[in-house]
Amino acid sequence: MFVILTSKPGQYQTIASADIEPLEAWDYRFYGRLQARFVLGRLLRATRVQVVEDDGSKTVNWVPSKFLESFETKEEAHRELQHLCNFGSLDAKLIPIPLAAVAAV
């Protein structure tokens, strides 16, 4: 199973547990501005992901992986990302980034 973890700068950051193997990452830019960061990961077993609020409170929520949308294949997850980020002729881009950059949101 594969999952897509989303972080939004200034709003929240989603952090994978050791039970999610990060495979690929992308920045979603809308008219050049970073709107979100997506990480595609392989779900190794049922787990919880950490969601940290970026509102100054640093509130932490632990979300069970069963509530994440999951995909049987990487290709299905890629299609979903393209669907989420495709707005016709608007300047919306999904840009691959190194996994090492994921913690830098």
PDB file of N, CA and C in Angstrom:
ATOM      1  N   MET A   1       0.827  -1.176   0.000  1.00  0.00           N
ATOM      2  CA  MET A   1       0.000   0.000   0.000  1.00  0.00           C
ATOM      3  C   MET A   1       0.877   1.247   0.000  1.00  0.00           C
ATOM      4  N   PHE A   2       0.377   2.279  -0.647  1.00  0.00           N
ATOM      5  CA  PHE A   2       1.081   3.548  -0.733  1.00  0.00           C
ATOM      6  C   PHE A   2       0.168   4.652  -0.217  1.00  0.00           C
ATOM      7  N   VAL A   3       0.769   5.661   0.409  1.00  0.00           N
ATOM      8  CA  VAL A   3       0.020   6.803   0.919  1.00  0.00           C
ATOM      9  C   VAL A   3       0.718   8.086   0.484  1.00  0.00           C
ATOM     10  N   ILE A   4      -0.037   9.166   0.442  1.00  0.00           N
ATOM     11  CA  ILE A   4       0.511  10.484   0.142  1.00  0.00           C
ATOM     12  C   ILE A   4       0.350  11.332   1.393  1.00  0.00           C
ATOM     13  N   LEU A   5       1.469  11.826   1.908  1.00  0.00           N
ATOM     14  CA  LEU A   5       1.459  12.703   3.066  1.00  0.00           C
ATOM     15  C   LEU A   5       1.579  14.142   2.576  1.00  0.00           C
ATOM     16  N   THR A   6       0.790  15.027   3.128  1.00  0.00           N
ATOM     17  CA  THR A   6       0.767  16.421   2.693  1.00  0.00           C
ATOM     18  C   THR A   6       1.179  17.335   3.833  1.00  0.00           C
ATOM     19  N   SER A   7       2.039  18.291   3.515  1.00  0.00           N
ATOM     20  CA  SER A   7       2.394  19.371   4.440  1.00  0.00           C
ATOM     21  C   SER A   7       2.109  20.684   3.737  1.00  0.00           C
ATOM     22  N   LYS A   8       1.610  21.664   4.490  1.00  0.00           N
ATOM     23  CA  LYS A   8       1.336  22.992   3.931  1.00  0.00           C
ATOM     24  C   LYS A   8       2.078  24.020   4.765  1.00  0.00           C
ATOM     25  N   PRO A   9       3.047  24.713   4.146  1.00  0.00           N
ATOM     26  CA  PRO A   9       3.839  25.696   4.881  1.00  0.00           C
ATOM     27  C   PRO A   9       2.953  26.741   5.562  1.00  0.00           C
ATOM     28  N   GLY A  10       3.257  27.007   6.821  1.00  0.00           N
ATOM     29  CA  GLY A  10       2.489  27.981   7.585  1.00  0.00           C
ATOM     30  C   GLY A  10       1.204  27.440   8.172  1.00  0.00           C
ATOM     31  N   GLN A  11       0.845  26.200   7.809  1.00  0.00           N
ATOM     32  CA  GLN A  11      -0.379  25.599   8.338  1.00  0.00           C
ATOM     33  C   GLN A  11      -0.076  24.351   9.159  1.00  0.00           C
ATOM     34  N   TYR A  12       0.528  23.344   8.523  1.00  0.00           N
ATOM     35  CA  TYR A  12       0.843  22.109   9.241  1.00  0.00           C
ATOM     36  C   TYR A  12       1.911  21.327   8.496  1.00  0.00           C
ATOM     37  N   GLN A  13       2.575  20.451   9.248  1.00  0.00           N
ATOM     38  CA  GLN A  13       3.564  19.550   8.669  1.00  0.00           C
ATOM     39  C   GLN A  13       3.194  18.132   9.059  1.00  0.00           C
ATOM     40  N   THR A  14       3.192  17.224   8.100  1.00  0.00           N
ATOM     41  CA  THR A  14       2.905  15.824   8.343  1.00  0.00           C
ATOM     42  C   THR A  14       4.223  15.067   8.348  1.00  0.00           C
ATOM     43  N   ILE A  15       4.437  14.285   9.396  1.00  0.00           N
ATOM     44  CA  ILE A  15       5.704  13.583   9.581  1.00  0.00           C
ATOM     45  C   ILE A  15       5.434  12.085   9.582  1.00  0.00           C
ATOM     46  N   ALA A  16       6.117  11.368   8.689  1.00  0.00           N
ATOM     47  CA  ALA A  16       5.956   9.918   8.588  1.00  0.00           C
ATOM     48  C   ALA A  16       6.598   9.232   9.781  1.00  0.00           C
ATOM     49  N   SER A  17       5.988   8.169  10.231  1.00  0.00           N
ATOM     50  CA  SER A  17       6.597   7.342  11.275  1.00  0.00           C
ATOM     51  C   SER A  17       7.567   6.363  10.613  1.00  0.00           C
ATOM     52  N   ALA A  18       8.231   5.560  11.421  1.00  0.00           N
ATOM     53  CA  ALA A  18       9.166   4.556  10.904  1.00  0.00           C
ATOM     54  C   ALA A  18       8.440   3.476  10.106  1.00  0.00           C
ATOM     55  N   ASP A  19       7.117   3.426  10.210  1.00  0.00           N
ATOM     56  CA  ASP A  19       6.334   2.420   9.495  1.00  0.00           C
ATOM     57  C   ASP A  19       5.894   2.878   8.110  1.00  0.00           C
ATOM     58  N   ILE A  20       6.373   4.046   7.699  1.00  0.00           N
ATOM     59  CA  ILE A  20       6.124   4.551   6.347  1.00  0.00           C
ATOM     60  C   ILE A  20       7.481   4.834   5.717  1.00  0.00           C
ATOM     61  N   GLU A  21       7.762   4.157   4.628  1.00  0.00           N
ATOM     62  CA  GLU A  21       9.023   4.343   3.919  1.00  0.00           C
ATOM     63  C   GLU A  21       8.846   5.432   2.855  1.00  0.00           C
ATOM     64  N   PRO A  22       9.418   6.618   3.062  1.00  0.00           N
ATOM     65  CA  PRO A  22       9.297   7.677   2.053  1.00  0.00           C
ATOM     66  C   PRO A  22      10.001   7.256   0.756  1.00  0.00           C
ATOM     67  N   LEU A  23       9.341   7.443  -0.383  1.00  0.00           N
ATOM     68  CA  LEU A  23       9.894   7.025  -1.671  1.00  0.00           C
ATOM     69  C   LEU A  23      10.165   8.200  -2.600  1.00  0.00           C
ATOM     70  N   GLU A  24       9.260   9.164  -2.623  1.00  0.00           N
ATOM     71  CA  GLU A  24       9.365  10.306  -3.540  1.00  0.00           C
ATOM     72  C   GLU A  24       8.743  11.530  -2.871  1.00  0.00           C
ATOM     73  N   ALA A  25       9.184  12.693  -3.316  1.00  0.00           N
ATOM     74  CA  ALA A  25       8.617  13.928  -2.765  1.00  0.00           C
ATOM     75  C   ALA A  25       8.492  14.973  -3.871  1.00  0.00           C
ATOM     76  N   TRP A  26       7.495  15.860  -3.716  1.00  0.00           N
ATOM     77  CA  TRP A  26       7.253  16.924  -4.683  1.00  0.00           C
ATOM     78  C   TRP A  26       6.818  18.187  -3.962  1.00  0.00           C
ATOM     79  N   ASP A  27       7.168  19.306  -4.549  1.00  0.00           N
ATOM     80  CA  ASP A  27       6.605  20.590  -4.150  1.00  0.00           C
ATOM     81  C   ASP A  27       5.499  20.921  -5.136  1.00  0.00           C
ATOM     82  N   TYR A  28       4.394  21.397  -4.620  1.00  0.00           N
ATOM     83  CA  TYR A  28       3.308  21.889  -5.459  1.00  0.00           C
ATOM     84  C   TYR A  28       3.383  23.403  -5.440  1.00  0.00           C
ATOM     85  N   ARG A  29       3.625  23.988  -6.609  1.00  0.00           N
ATOM     86  CA  ARG A  29       3.745  25.438  -6.731  1.00  0.00           C
ATOM     87  C   ARG A  29       2.612  25.959  -7.617  1.00  0.00           C
ATOM     88  N   PHE A  30       1.976  27.003  -7.129  1.00  0.00           N
ATOM     89  CA  PHE A  30       0.888  27.658  -7.845  1.00  0.00           C
ATOM     90  C   PHE A  30       1.348  29.080  -8.118  1.00  0.00           C
ATOM     91  N   TYR A  31       1.546  29.377  -9.393  1.00  0.00           N
ATOM     92  CA  TYR A  31       2.105  30.663  -9.806  1.00  0.00           C
ATOM     93  C   TYR A  31       3.404  30.965  -9.047  1.00  0.00           C
ATOM     94  N   GLY A  32       4.242  29.938  -8.938  1.00  0.00           N
ATOM     95  CA  GLY A  32       5.560  30.070  -8.341  1.00  0.00           C
ATOM     96  C   GLY A  32       5.607  29.995  -6.824  1.00  0.00           C
ATOM     97  N   ARG A  33       4.469  30.053  -6.181  1.00  0.00           N
ATOM     98  CA  ARG A  33       4.426  30.047  -4.713  1.00  0.00           C
ATOM     99  C   ARG A  33       4.199  28.630  -4.192  1.00  0.00           C
ATOM    100  N   LEU A  34       5.029  28.222  -3.216  1.00  0.00           N
ATOM    101  CA  LEU A  34       4.893  26.892  -2.622  1.00  0.00           C
ATOM    102  C   LEU A  34       3.571  26.812  -1.855  1.00  0.00           C
ATOM    103  N   GLN A  35       2.711  25.897  -2.285  1.00  0.00           N
ATOM    104  CA  GLN A  35       1.413  25.700  -1.638  1.00  0.00           C
ATOM    105  C   GLN A  35       1.388  24.465  -0.754  1.00  0.00           C
ATOM    106  N   ALA A  36       2.140  23.427  -1.179  1.00  0.00           N
ATOM    107  CA  ALA A  36       2.123  22.165  -0.434  1.00  0.00           C
ATOM    108  C   ALA A  36       3.358  21.346  -0.798  1.00  0.00           C
ATOM    109  N   ARG A  37       3.660  20.430   0.078  1.00  0.00           N
ATOM    110  CA  ARG A  37       4.707  19.450  -0.189  1.00  0.00           C
ATOM    111  C   ARG A  37       4.071  18.078   0.002  1.00  0.00           C
ATOM    112  N   PHE A  38       4.281  17.219  -0.979  1.00  0.00           N
ATOM    113  CA  PHE A  38       3.724  15.870  -0.941  1.00  0.00           C
ATOM    114  C   PHE A  38       4.853  14.855  -0.829  1.00  0.00           C
ATOM    115  N   VAL A  39       4.638  13.839  -0.006  1.00  0.00           N
ATOM    116  CA  VAL A  39       5.578  12.727   0.102  1.00  0.00           C
ATOM    117  C   VAL A  39       4.799  11.449  -0.161  1.00  0.00           C
ATOM    118  N   LEU A  40       5.270  10.690  -1.136  1.00  0.00           N
ATOM    119  CA  LEU A  40       4.687   9.377  -1.423  1.00  0.00           C
ATOM    120  C   LEU A  40       5.472   8.360  -0.621  1.00  0.00           C
ATOM    121  N   GLY A  41       4.771   7.563   0.161  1.00  0.00           N
ATOM    122  CA  GLY A  41       5.441   6.569   0.987  1.00  0.00           C
ATOM    123  C   GLY A  41       4.770   5.211   0.894  1.00  0.00           C
ATOM    124  N   ARG A  42       5.576   4.202   1.163  1.00  0.00           N
ATOM    125  CA  ARG A  42       5.057   2.828   1.227  1.00  0.00           C
ATOM    126  C   ARG A  42       4.659   2.566   2.682  1.00  0.00           C
ATOM    127  N   LEU A  43       3.414   2.187   2.880  1.00  0.00           N
ATOM    128  CA  LEU A  43       2.909   1.867   4.210  1.00  0.00           C
ATOM    129  C   LEU A  43       3.320   0.439   4.537  1.00  0.00           C
ATOM    130  N   LEU A  44       4.221   0.294   5.506  1.00  0.00           N
ATOM    131  CA  LEU A  44       4.748  -1.022   5.857  1.00  0.00           C
ATOM    132  C   LEU A  44       3.809  -1.791   6.779  1.00  0.00           C
ATOM    133  N   ARG A  45       3.082  -1.060   7.610  1.00  0.00           N
ATOM    134  CA  ARG A  45       2.094  -1.647   8.517  1.00  0.00           C
ATOM    135  C   ARG A  45       1.222  -0.517   9.046  1.00  0.00           C
ATOM    136  N   ALA A  46       0.106  -0.865   9.635  1.00  0.00           N
ATOM    137  CA  ALA A  46      -0.763   0.159  10.213  1.00  0.00           C
ATOM    138  C   ALA A  46       0.041   0.959  11.234  1.00  0.00           C
ATOM    139  N   THR A  47      -0.150   2.268  11.222  1.00  0.00           N
ATOM    140  CA  THR A  47       0.640   3.145  12.085  1.00  0.00           C
ATOM    141  C   THR A  47      -0.123   4.432  12.325  1.00  0.00           C
ATOM    142  N   ARG A  48       0.543   5.412  12.858  1.00  0.00           N
ATOM    143  CA  ARG A  48       0.009   6.762  13.026  1.00  0.00           C
ATOM    144  C   ARG A  48       1.011   7.736  12.437  1.00  0.00           C
ATOM    145  N   VAL A  49       0.497   8.810  11.851  1.00  0.00           N
ATOM    146  CA  VAL A  49       1.375   9.870  11.357  1.00  0.00           C
ATOM    147  C   VAL A  49       1.194  11.082  12.254  1.00  0.00           C
ATOM    148  N   GLN A  50       2.271  11.807  12.408  1.00  0.00           N
ATOM    149  CA  GLN A  50       2.273  12.991  13.256  1.00  0.00           C
ATOM    150  C   GLN A  50       1.952  14.212  12.395  1.00  0.00           C
ATOM    151  N   VAL A  51       0.973  14.991  12.833  1.00  0.00           N
ATOM    152  CA  VAL A  51       0.623  16.240  12.156  1.00  0.00           C
ATOM    153  C   VAL A  51       0.854  17.366  13.157  1.00  0.00           C
ATOM    154  N   VAL A  52       1.812  18.237  12.820  1.00  0.00           N
ATOM    155  CA  VAL A  52       2.195  19.327  13.711  1.00  0.00           C
ATOM    156  C   VAL A  52       1.672  20.639  13.135  1.00  0.00           C
ATOM    157  N   GLU A  53       0.874  21.349  13.922  1.00  0.00           N
ATOM    158  CA  GLU A  53       0.316  22.632  13.498  1.00  0.00           C
ATOM    159  C   GLU A  53       1.423  23.682  13.482  1.00  0.00           C
ATOM    160  N   ASP A  54       1.423  24.534  12.452  1.00  0.00           N
ATOM    161  CA  ASP A  54       2.407  25.606  12.328  1.00  0.00           C
ATOM    162  C   ASP A  54       1.822  26.959  12.715  1.00  0.00           C
ATOM    163  N   ASP A  55       0.846  26.961  13.619  1.00  0.00           N
ATOM    164  CA  ASP A  55       0.179  28.214  13.999  1.00  0.00           C
ATOM    165  C   ASP A  55       0.794  28.856  15.237  1.00  0.00           C
ATOM    166  N   GLY A  56       1.955  28.376  15.641  1.00  0.00           N
ATOM    167  CA  GLY A  56       2.591  28.890  16.846  1.00  0.00           C
ATOM    168  C   GLY A  56       2.319  28.023  18.055  1.00  0.00           C
ATOM    169  N   SER A  57       1.230  27.288  18.030  1.00  0.00           N
ATOM    170  CA  SER A  57       0.896  26.426  19.165  1.00  0.00           C
ATOM    171  C   SER A  57       1.697  25.127  19.145  1.00  0.00           C
ATOM    172  N   LYS A  58       2.143  24.734  17.937  1.00  0.00           N
ATOM    173  CA  LYS A  58       2.869  23.465  17.750  1.00  0.00           C
ATOM    174  C   LYS A  58       2.057  22.269  18.260  1.00  0.00           C
ATOM    175  N   THR A  59       0.729  22.379  18.168  1.00  0.00           N
ATOM    176  CA  THR A  59      -0.145  21.278  18.543  1.00  0.00           C
ATOM    177  C   THR A  59       0.184  20.069  17.692  1.00  0.00           C
ATOM    178  N   VAL A  60       0.243  18.893  18.329  1.00  0.00           N
ATOM    179  CA  VAL A  60       0.562  17.653  17.632  1.00  0.00           C
ATOM    180  C   VAL A  60      -0.655  16.740  17.670  1.00  0.00           C
ATOM    181  N   ASN A  61      -1.043  16.253  16.497  1.00  0.00           N
ATOM    182  CA  ASN A  61      -2.107  15.271  16.381  1.00  0.00           C
ATOM    183  C   ASN A  61      -1.503  13.996  15.812  1.00  0.00           C
ATOM    184  N   TRP A  62      -1.940  12.856  16.298  1.00  0.00           N
ATOM    185  CA  TRP A  62      -1.490  11.562  15.794  1.00  0.00           C
ATOM    186  C   TRP A  62      -2.660  10.935  15.041  1.00  0.00           C
ATOM    187  N   VAL A  63      -2.523  10.838  13.718  1.00  0.00           N
ATOM    188  CA  VAL A  63      -3.609  10.369  12.862  1.00  0.00           C
ATOM    189  C   VAL A  63      -3.357   8.916  12.459  1.00  0.00           C
ATOM    190  N   PRO A  64      -4.289   8.017  12.750  1.00  0.00           N
ATOM    191  CA  PRO A  64      -4.123   6.621  12.338  1.00  0.00           C
ATOM    192  C   PRO A  64      -4.064   6.511  10.811  1.00  0.00           C
ATOM    193  N   SER A  65      -3.187   5.651  10.328  1.00  0.00           N
ATOM    194  CA  SER A  65      -3.011   5.492   8.878  1.00  0.00           C
ATOM    195  C   SER A  65      -4.282   4.995   8.194  1.00  0.00           C
ATOM    196  N   LYS A  66      -5.175   4.375   8.929  1.00  0.00           N
ATOM    197  CA  LYS A  66      -6.417   3.903   8.302  1.00  0.00           C
ATOM    198  C   LYS A  66      -7.261   5.062   7.783  1.00  0.00           C
ATOM    199  N   PHE A  67      -7.005   6.299   8.254  1.00  0.00           N
ATOM    200  CA  PHE A  67      -7.744   7.453   7.780  1.00  0.00           C
ATOM    201  C   PHE A  67      -7.094   8.121   6.569  1.00  0.00           C
ATOM    202  N   LEU A  68      -5.917   7.653   6.181  1.00  0.00           N
ATOM    203  CA  LEU A  68      -5.243   8.187   4.998  1.00  0.00           C
ATOM    204  C   LEU A  68      -5.749   7.472   3.757  1.00  0.00           C
ATOM    205  N   GLU A  69      -5.900   8.210   2.669  1.00  0.00           N
ATOM    206  CA  GLU A  69      -6.237   7.555   1.410  1.00  0.00           C
ATOM    207  C   GLU A  69      -5.044   6.694   1.015  1.00  0.00           C
ATOM    208  N   SER A  70      -5.302   5.465   0.615  1.00  0.00           N
ATOM    209  CA  SER A  70      -4.207   4.573   0.237  1.00  0.00           C
ATOM    210  C   SER A  70      -4.403   4.094  -1.195  1.00  0.00           C
ATOM    211  N   PHE A  71      -3.296   3.660  -1.783  1.00  0.00           N
ATOM    212  CA  PHE A  71      -3.276   3.258  -3.185  1.00  0.00           C
ATOM    213  C   PHE A  71      -2.551   1.929  -3.292  1.00  0.00           C
ATOM    214  N   GLU A  72      -3.034   1.090  -4.177  1.00  0.00           N
ATOM    215  CA  GLU A  72      -2.416  -0.229  -4.370  1.00  0.00           C
ATOM    216  C   GLU A  72      -1.053  -0.129  -5.043  1.00  0.00           C
ATOM    217  N   THR A  73      -0.890   0.851  -5.927  1.00  0.00           N
ATOM    218  CA  THR A  73       0.363   0.986  -6.671  1.00  0.00           C
ATOM    219  C   THR A  73       0.855   2.431  -6.632  1.00  0.00           C
ATOM    220  N   LYS A  74       2.154   2.598  -6.918  1.00  0.00           N
ATOM    221  CA  LYS A  74       2.713   3.950  -7.027  1.00  0.00           C
ATOM    222  C   LYS A  74       2.052   4.707  -8.169  1.00  0.00           C
ATOM    223  N   GLU A  75       1.732   4.004  -9.245  1.00  0.00           N
ATOM    224  CA  GLU A  75       1.117   4.646 -10.404  1.00  0.00           C
ATOM    225  C   GLU A  75      -0.242   5.252 -10.036  1.00  0.00           C
ATOM    226  N   GLU A  76      -1.020   4.543  -9.212  1.00  0.00           N
ATOM    227  CA  GLU A  76      -2.312   5.085  -8.766  1.00  0.00           C
ATOM    228  C   GLU A  76      -2.099   6.360  -7.951  1.00  0.00           C
ATOM    229  N   ALA A  77      -1.088   6.350  -7.091  1.00  0.00           N
ATOM    230  CA  ALA A  77      -0.785   7.530  -6.282  1.00  0.00           C
ATOM    231  C   ALA A  77      -0.335   8.689  -7.173  1.00  0.00           C
ATOM    232  N   HIS A  78       0.472   8.393  -8.198  1.00  0.00           N
ATOM    233  CA  HIS A  78       0.908   9.437  -9.140  1.00  0.00           C
ATOM    234  C   HIS A  78      -0.287  10.046  -9.862  1.00  0.00           C
ATOM    235  N   ARG A  79      -1.227   9.223 -10.282  1.00  0.00           N
ATOM    236  CA  ARG A  79      -2.432   9.730 -10.962  1.00  0.00           C
ATOM    237  C   ARG A  79      -3.222  10.654 -10.038  1.00  0.00           C
ATOM    238  N   GLU A  80      -3.334  10.266  -8.776  1.00  0.00           N
ATOM    239  CA  GLU A  80      -4.061  11.099  -7.821  1.00  0.00           C
ATOM    240  C   GLU A  80      -3.370  12.444  -7.641  1.00  0.00           C
ATOM    241  N   LEU A  81      -2.047  12.459  -7.545  1.00  0.00           N
ATOM    242  CA  LEU A  81      -1.311  13.721  -7.423  1.00  0.00           C
ATOM    243  C   LEU A  81      -1.535  14.606  -8.647  1.00  0.00           C
ATOM    244  N   GLN A  82      -1.485  14.020  -9.823  1.00  0.00           N
ATOM    245  CA  GLN A  82      -1.718  14.799 -11.044  1.00  0.00           C
ATOM    246  C   GLN A  82      -3.134  15.363 -11.044  1.00  0.00           C
ATOM    247  N   HIS A  83      -4.076  14.571 -10.589  1.00  0.00           N
ATOM    248  CA  HIS A  83      -5.467  15.032 -10.511  1.00  0.00           C
ATOM    249  C   HIS A  83      -5.597  16.204  -9.531  1.00  0.00           C
ATOM    250  N   LEU A  84      -4.926  16.110  -8.380  1.00  0.00           N
ATOM    251  CA  LEU A  84      -4.993  17.161  -7.372  1.00  0.00           C
ATOM    252  C   LEU A  84      -4.371  18.469  -7.848  1.00  0.00           C
ATOM    253  N   CYS A  85      -3.389  18.353  -8.723  1.00  0.00           N
ATOM    254  CA  CYS A  85      -2.580  19.524  -9.082  1.00  0.00           C
ATOM    255  C   CYS A  85      -2.773  20.000 -10.511  1.00  0.00           C
ATOM    256  N   ASN A  86      -3.775  19.519 -11.207  1.00  0.00           N
ATOM    257  CA  ASN A  86      -3.995  19.909 -12.588  1.00  0.00           C
ATOM    258  C   ASN A  86      -5.192  20.857 -12.658  1.00  0.00           C
ATOM    259  N   PHE A  87      -4.941  22.101 -13.092  1.00  0.00           N
ATOM    260  CA  PHE A  87      -6.007  23.097 -13.174  1.00  0.00           C
ATOM    261  C   PHE A  87      -6.044  23.735 -14.550  1.00  0.00           C
ATOM    262  N   GLY A  88      -6.056  22.924 -15.583  1.00  0.00           N
ATOM    263  CA  GLY A  88      -6.155  23.451 -16.938  1.00  0.00           C
ATOM    264  C   GLY A  88      -4.950  24.293 -17.305  1.00  0.00           C
ATOM    265  N   SER A  89      -5.194  25.552 -17.650  1.00  0.00           N
ATOM    266  CA  SER A  89      -4.107  26.410 -18.123  1.00  0.00           C
ATOM    267  C   SER A  89      -3.487  27.259 -17.006  1.00  0.00           C
ATOM    268  N   LEU A  90      -3.909  27.057 -15.769  1.00  0.00           N
ATOM    269  CA  LEU A  90      -3.324  27.813 -14.663  1.00  0.00           C
ATOM    270  C   LEU A  90      -1.886  27.369 -14.429  1.00  0.00           C
ATOM    271  N   ASP A  91      -1.069  28.247 -13.885  1.00  0.00           N
ATOM    272  CA  ASP A  91       0.342  27.960 -13.626  1.00  0.00           C
ATOM    273  C   ASP A  91       0.478  27.160 -12.331  1.00  0.00           C
ATOM    274  N   ALA A  92       0.189  25.864 -12.427  1.00  0.00           N
ATOM    275  CA  ALA A  92       0.295  24.951 -11.296  1.00  0.00           C
ATOM    276  C   ALA A  92       1.290  23.865 -11.671  1.00  0.00           C
ATOM    277  N   LYS A  93       2.307  23.675 -10.824  1.00  0.00           N
ATOM    278  CA  LYS A  93       3.367  22.710 -11.143  1.00  0.00           C
ATOM    279  C   LYS A  93       3.630  21.796  -9.965  1.00  0.00           C
ATOM    280  N   LEU A  94       3.894  20.550 -10.274  1.00  0.00           N
ATOM    281  CA  LEU A  94       4.334  19.549  -9.321  1.00  0.00           C
ATOM    282  C   LEU A  94       5.800  19.286  -9.633  1.00  0.00           C
ATOM    283  N   ILE A  95       6.694  19.694  -8.729  1.00  0.00           N
ATOM    284  CA  ILE A  95       8.130  19.647  -8.983  1.00  0.00           C
ATOM    285  C   ILE A  95       8.779  18.604  -8.089  1.00  0.00           C
ATOM    286  N   PRO A  96       9.436  17.581  -8.670  1.00  0.00           N
ATOM    287  CA  PRO A  96      10.124  16.580  -7.840  1.00  0.00           C
ATOM    288  C   PRO A  96      11.227  17.239  -7.019  1.00  0.00           C
ATOM    289  N   ILE A  97      11.372  16.802  -5.778  1.00  0.00           N
ATOM    290  CA  ILE A  97      12.436  17.302  -4.914  1.00  0.00           C
ATOM    291  C   ILE A  97      13.130  16.123  -4.245  1.00  0.00           C
ATOM    292  N   PRO A  98      14.369  16.298  -3.782  1.00  0.00           N
ATOM    293  CA  PRO A  98      15.050  15.222  -3.055  1.00  0.00           C
ATOM    294  C   PRO A  98      14.353  14.950  -1.718  1.00  0.00           C
ATOM    295  N   LEU A  99      14.340  13.705  -1.314  1.00  0.00           N
ATOM    296  CA  LEU A  99      13.734  13.363  -0.026  1.00  0.00           C
ATOM    297  C   LEU A  99      14.407  14.106   1.122  1.00  0.00           C
ATOM    298  N   ALA A 100      15.690  14.409   0.990  1.00  0.00           N
ATOM    299  CA  ALA A 100      16.410  15.128   2.046  1.00  0.00           C
ATOM    300  C   ALA A 100      15.808  16.502   2.298  1.00  0.00           C
ATOM    301  N   ALA A 101      15.121  17.058   1.317  1.00  0.00           N
ATOM    302  CA  ALA A 101      14.523  18.396   1.459  1.00  0.00           C
ATOM    303  C   ALA A 101      13.194  18.368   2.196  1.00  0.00           C
ATOM    304  N   VAL A 102      12.650  17.193   2.447  1.00  0.00           N
ATOM    305  CA  VAL A 102      11.314  17.078   3.029  1.00  0.00           C
ATOM    306  C   VAL A 102      11.228  17.739   4.394  1.00  0.00           C
ATOM    307  N   ALA A 103      12.230  17.628   5.220  1.00  0.00           N
ATOM    308  CA  ALA A 103      12.174  18.204   6.562  1.00  0.00           C
ATOM    309  C   ALA A 103      12.313  19.715   6.549  1.00  0.00           C
ATOM    310  N   ALA A 104      12.562  20.298   5.378  1.00  0.00           N
ATOM    311  CA  ALA A 104      12.835  21.725   5.307  1.00  0.00           C
ATOM    312  C   ALA A 104      11.591  22.589   5.083  1.00  0.00           C
ATOM    313  N   VAL A 105      10.390  22.026   5.135  1.00  0.00           N
ATOM    314  CA  VAL A 105       9.182  22.854   4.923  1.00  0.00           C
ATOM    315  C   VAL A 105       8.981  23.770   6.100  1.00  0.00           C
TER     316      VAL A 105
END
